N, C-alpha and C. Protein backbone atom coordinates (compact mmCIF):
# COMPACT_ATOMS: atom_id res chain seq x y z
N MET A 1 20.59 -0.26 -45.21
CA MET A 1 19.19 -0.16 -45.58
C MET A 1 19.01 -0.79 -46.97
N LEU A 2 17.97 -1.61 -47.12
CA LEU A 2 17.66 -2.21 -48.41
C LEU A 2 16.46 -1.52 -49.03
N TYR A 3 16.60 -1.18 -50.30
CA TYR A 3 15.56 -0.55 -51.08
C TYR A 3 15.05 -1.54 -52.12
N LEU A 4 13.81 -1.36 -52.55
CA LEU A 4 13.25 -2.17 -53.62
C LEU A 4 12.53 -1.24 -54.60
N ALA A 5 13.03 -1.19 -55.83
CA ALA A 5 12.39 -0.41 -56.89
C ALA A 5 11.50 -1.37 -57.68
N ILE A 6 10.26 -0.97 -57.90
CA ILE A 6 9.27 -1.85 -58.54
C ILE A 6 8.61 -1.14 -59.72
N ASP A 7 8.36 -1.91 -60.77
CA ASP A 7 7.55 -1.42 -61.89
C ASP A 7 6.72 -2.57 -62.42
N ALA A 8 5.57 -2.26 -62.96
CA ALA A 8 4.67 -3.27 -63.51
C ALA A 8 4.28 -2.89 -64.93
N CYS A 9 3.98 -3.90 -65.72
CA CYS A 9 3.44 -3.66 -67.05
C CYS A 9 2.31 -4.66 -67.27
N TYR A 10 1.53 -4.39 -68.30
CA TYR A 10 0.31 -5.16 -68.51
C TYR A 10 0.19 -5.57 -69.97
N THR A 11 -0.25 -6.82 -70.17
CA THR A 11 -0.56 -7.34 -71.49
C THR A 11 -1.97 -7.89 -71.41
N ASN A 12 -2.88 -7.24 -72.13
CA ASN A 12 -4.29 -7.62 -72.01
C ASN A 12 -4.69 -7.54 -70.54
N ASN A 13 -5.12 -8.63 -69.94
CA ASN A 13 -5.51 -8.61 -68.53
C ASN A 13 -4.47 -9.24 -67.62
N GLU A 14 -3.25 -9.45 -68.13
CA GLU A 14 -2.18 -10.04 -67.33
C GLU A 14 -1.26 -8.96 -66.78
N GLY A 15 -0.66 -9.24 -65.63
CA GLY A 15 0.28 -8.30 -65.04
C GLY A 15 1.66 -8.92 -64.93
N HIS A 16 2.66 -8.13 -65.19
CA HIS A 16 4.06 -8.54 -65.07
C HIS A 16 4.73 -7.50 -64.19
N VAL A 17 5.42 -7.94 -63.16
CA VAL A 17 6.03 -7.00 -62.23
C VAL A 17 7.48 -7.42 -61.97
N ALA A 18 8.34 -6.41 -61.87
CA ALA A 18 9.75 -6.65 -61.61
C ALA A 18 10.20 -5.77 -60.46
N GLY A 19 11.17 -6.26 -59.72
CA GLY A 19 11.74 -5.49 -58.62
C GLY A 19 13.24 -5.63 -58.60
N VAL A 20 13.91 -4.55 -58.26
CA VAL A 20 15.36 -4.56 -58.09
C VAL A 20 15.66 -4.15 -56.67
N GLU A 21 16.32 -5.04 -55.95
CA GLU A 21 16.70 -4.77 -54.56
C GLU A 21 18.12 -4.21 -54.56
N PHE A 22 18.31 -3.08 -53.88
CA PHE A 22 19.64 -2.46 -53.86
C PHE A 22 19.89 -1.77 -52.54
N THR A 23 21.17 -1.48 -52.30
CA THR A 23 21.57 -0.83 -51.05
C THR A 23 21.68 0.67 -51.25
N GLN A 24 21.96 1.36 -50.17
CA GLN A 24 22.05 2.82 -50.20
C GLN A 24 23.15 3.31 -51.14
N ASP A 25 24.18 2.51 -51.34
CA ASP A 25 25.25 2.90 -52.26
C ASP A 25 25.00 2.41 -53.69
N SER A 26 23.76 2.04 -53.97
CA SER A 26 23.28 1.62 -55.30
C SER A 26 23.81 0.26 -55.75
N ALA A 27 24.33 -0.54 -54.85
CA ALA A 27 24.77 -1.89 -55.21
C ALA A 27 23.55 -2.80 -55.34
N VAL A 28 23.36 -3.38 -56.51
CA VAL A 28 22.22 -4.28 -56.74
C VAL A 28 22.45 -5.59 -56.00
N LYS A 29 21.47 -5.98 -55.20
CA LYS A 29 21.55 -7.22 -54.43
C LYS A 29 20.86 -8.37 -55.14
N ASN A 30 19.72 -8.07 -55.79
CA ASN A 30 18.96 -9.12 -56.45
C ASN A 30 17.88 -8.50 -57.33
N THR A 31 17.37 -9.30 -58.27
CA THR A 31 16.23 -8.90 -59.08
C THR A 31 15.14 -9.96 -58.94
N TYR A 32 13.90 -9.53 -59.07
CA TYR A 32 12.76 -10.42 -58.89
C TYR A 32 11.71 -10.16 -59.96
N PHE A 33 10.99 -11.21 -60.33
CA PHE A 33 9.93 -11.10 -61.32
C PHE A 33 8.74 -11.93 -60.87
N SER A 34 7.54 -11.43 -61.12
CA SER A 34 6.31 -12.17 -60.85
C SER A 34 5.31 -11.92 -61.96
N HIS A 35 4.36 -12.82 -62.06
CA HIS A 35 3.34 -12.75 -63.11
C HIS A 35 1.97 -12.96 -62.47
N LEU A 36 1.00 -12.16 -62.89
CA LEU A 36 -0.38 -12.33 -62.46
C LEU A 36 -1.21 -12.65 -63.69
N GLU A 37 -2.00 -13.69 -63.59
CA GLU A 37 -2.82 -14.09 -64.73
C GLU A 37 -3.95 -13.12 -65.00
N TYR A 38 -4.36 -12.39 -63.97
CA TYR A 38 -5.45 -11.42 -64.17
C TYR A 38 -5.20 -10.19 -63.31
N VAL A 39 -5.37 -9.03 -63.91
CA VAL A 39 -5.38 -7.76 -63.18
C VAL A 39 -6.59 -6.96 -63.65
N ALA A 40 -7.07 -6.09 -62.80
CA ALA A 40 -8.23 -5.27 -63.12
C ALA A 40 -7.90 -4.28 -64.24
N GLU A 41 -8.91 -3.82 -64.90
CA GLU A 41 -8.75 -2.78 -65.92
C GLU A 41 -8.25 -1.50 -65.26
N TYR A 42 -7.52 -0.70 -66.01
CA TYR A 42 -7.02 0.58 -65.51
C TYR A 42 -8.18 1.52 -65.24
N GLN A 43 -8.16 2.14 -64.06
CA GLN A 43 -9.12 3.18 -63.71
C GLN A 43 -8.33 4.30 -63.03
N SER A 44 -8.36 5.46 -63.61
CA SER A 44 -7.61 6.60 -63.09
C SER A 44 -7.92 6.84 -61.61
N GLY A 45 -6.86 7.01 -60.83
CA GLY A 45 -7.03 7.28 -59.41
C GLY A 45 -7.27 6.06 -58.55
N GLU A 46 -7.28 4.87 -59.15
CA GLU A 46 -7.56 3.64 -58.39
C GLU A 46 -6.38 2.68 -58.48
N PHE A 47 -5.23 3.17 -58.04
CA PHE A 47 -3.97 2.44 -58.01
C PHE A 47 -4.13 1.07 -57.37
N TYR A 48 -4.90 1.02 -56.31
CA TYR A 48 -5.03 -0.21 -55.52
C TYR A 48 -5.68 -1.36 -56.30
N LYS A 49 -6.38 -1.07 -57.37
CA LYS A 49 -7.06 -2.12 -58.12
C LYS A 49 -6.17 -2.81 -59.14
N ARG A 50 -5.18 -2.11 -59.67
CA ARG A 50 -4.36 -2.67 -60.74
C ARG A 50 -2.90 -2.85 -60.32
N GLU A 51 -2.28 -1.81 -59.84
CA GLU A 51 -0.85 -1.84 -59.52
C GLU A 51 -0.58 -2.54 -58.19
N LEU A 52 -1.36 -2.25 -57.19
CA LEU A 52 -1.11 -2.80 -55.86
C LEU A 52 -1.12 -4.33 -55.81
N PRO A 53 -2.04 -5.04 -56.48
CA PRO A 53 -1.98 -6.50 -56.46
C PRO A 53 -0.66 -7.03 -57.06
N CYS A 54 -0.11 -6.33 -58.03
CA CYS A 54 1.17 -6.75 -58.61
C CYS A 54 2.29 -6.60 -57.59
N ILE A 55 2.30 -5.49 -56.88
CA ILE A 55 3.32 -5.24 -55.86
C ILE A 55 3.21 -6.27 -54.74
N LYS A 56 2.00 -6.51 -54.28
CA LYS A 56 1.80 -7.49 -53.22
C LYS A 56 2.24 -8.88 -53.64
N LYS A 57 1.95 -9.26 -54.88
CA LYS A 57 2.36 -10.58 -55.39
C LYS A 57 3.88 -10.72 -55.36
N LEU A 58 4.59 -9.70 -55.83
CA LEU A 58 6.05 -9.74 -55.85
C LEU A 58 6.60 -9.88 -54.42
N LEU A 59 6.08 -9.06 -53.50
CA LEU A 59 6.55 -9.11 -52.11
C LEU A 59 6.29 -10.46 -51.46
N GLU A 60 5.08 -10.99 -51.66
CA GLU A 60 4.71 -12.26 -51.03
C GLU A 60 5.41 -13.44 -51.67
N GLU A 61 5.45 -13.48 -53.00
CA GLU A 61 6.04 -14.61 -53.72
C GLU A 61 7.52 -14.78 -53.40
N HIS A 62 8.21 -13.67 -53.20
CA HIS A 62 9.65 -13.72 -52.96
C HIS A 62 10.01 -13.42 -51.50
N GLN A 63 8.99 -13.34 -50.64
CA GLN A 63 9.17 -13.09 -49.20
C GLN A 63 10.08 -11.88 -48.95
N LEU A 64 9.75 -10.77 -49.61
CA LEU A 64 10.54 -9.55 -49.51
C LEU A 64 10.02 -8.65 -48.39
N THR A 65 10.95 -8.06 -47.65
CA THR A 65 10.61 -7.12 -46.59
C THR A 65 11.57 -5.93 -46.64
N PRO A 66 11.52 -5.17 -47.74
CA PRO A 66 12.44 -4.03 -47.86
C PRO A 66 12.08 -2.94 -46.86
N GLU A 67 13.06 -2.10 -46.57
CA GLU A 67 12.82 -0.98 -45.68
C GLU A 67 12.18 0.18 -46.41
N CYS A 68 12.37 0.23 -47.73
CA CYS A 68 11.80 1.31 -48.55
C CYS A 68 11.44 0.75 -49.92
N ILE A 69 10.24 1.05 -50.39
CA ILE A 69 9.79 0.63 -51.72
C ILE A 69 9.65 1.88 -52.59
N ILE A 70 10.26 1.82 -53.76
CA ILE A 70 10.16 2.91 -54.73
C ILE A 70 9.32 2.38 -55.89
N ILE A 71 8.21 3.05 -56.16
CA ILE A 71 7.27 2.59 -57.18
C ILE A 71 7.32 3.53 -58.36
N ASP A 72 7.51 2.96 -59.55
CA ASP A 72 7.47 3.77 -60.76
C ASP A 72 6.00 3.99 -61.09
N GLY A 73 5.58 5.22 -61.08
CA GLY A 73 4.19 5.54 -61.36
C GLY A 73 4.06 6.61 -62.42
N TYR A 74 2.92 6.66 -63.04
CA TYR A 74 2.64 7.63 -64.08
C TYR A 74 1.54 8.55 -63.57
N VAL A 75 1.90 9.79 -63.32
CA VAL A 75 0.94 10.74 -62.76
C VAL A 75 1.11 12.10 -63.40
N TYR A 76 0.10 12.91 -63.28
CA TYR A 76 0.17 14.33 -63.64
C TYR A 76 0.20 15.13 -62.35
N LEU A 77 1.11 16.06 -62.24
CA LEU A 77 1.16 16.94 -61.10
C LEU A 77 0.82 18.34 -61.54
N GLU A 78 -0.09 19.00 -60.86
CA GLU A 78 -0.48 20.35 -61.22
C GLU A 78 0.64 21.31 -60.89
N ASN A 79 0.79 22.33 -61.70
CA ASN A 79 1.75 23.38 -61.42
C ASN A 79 1.16 24.27 -60.33
N THR A 80 1.75 24.21 -59.15
CA THR A 80 1.21 24.97 -58.02
C THR A 80 2.00 26.23 -57.74
N VAL A 81 2.96 26.53 -58.58
CA VAL A 81 3.79 27.73 -58.36
C VAL A 81 3.14 28.94 -58.99
């Protein structure tokens, strides 16, 4: 099984995204980088407007078809206990 861990960062209105492809035993197979000249402004709860275009660009640009994508995200989780 191939996994792809992805994270994105932003400079002004530009997006930079990186991915690390690895196997179940944590062996790194490859690394990938993509750049977007424009990304939408951050809006809480609207992941699809800012982060998702970066992920799609990385997948399409490098023709990636991982079985599992792990996305580094920043969220607050309520204490439900």
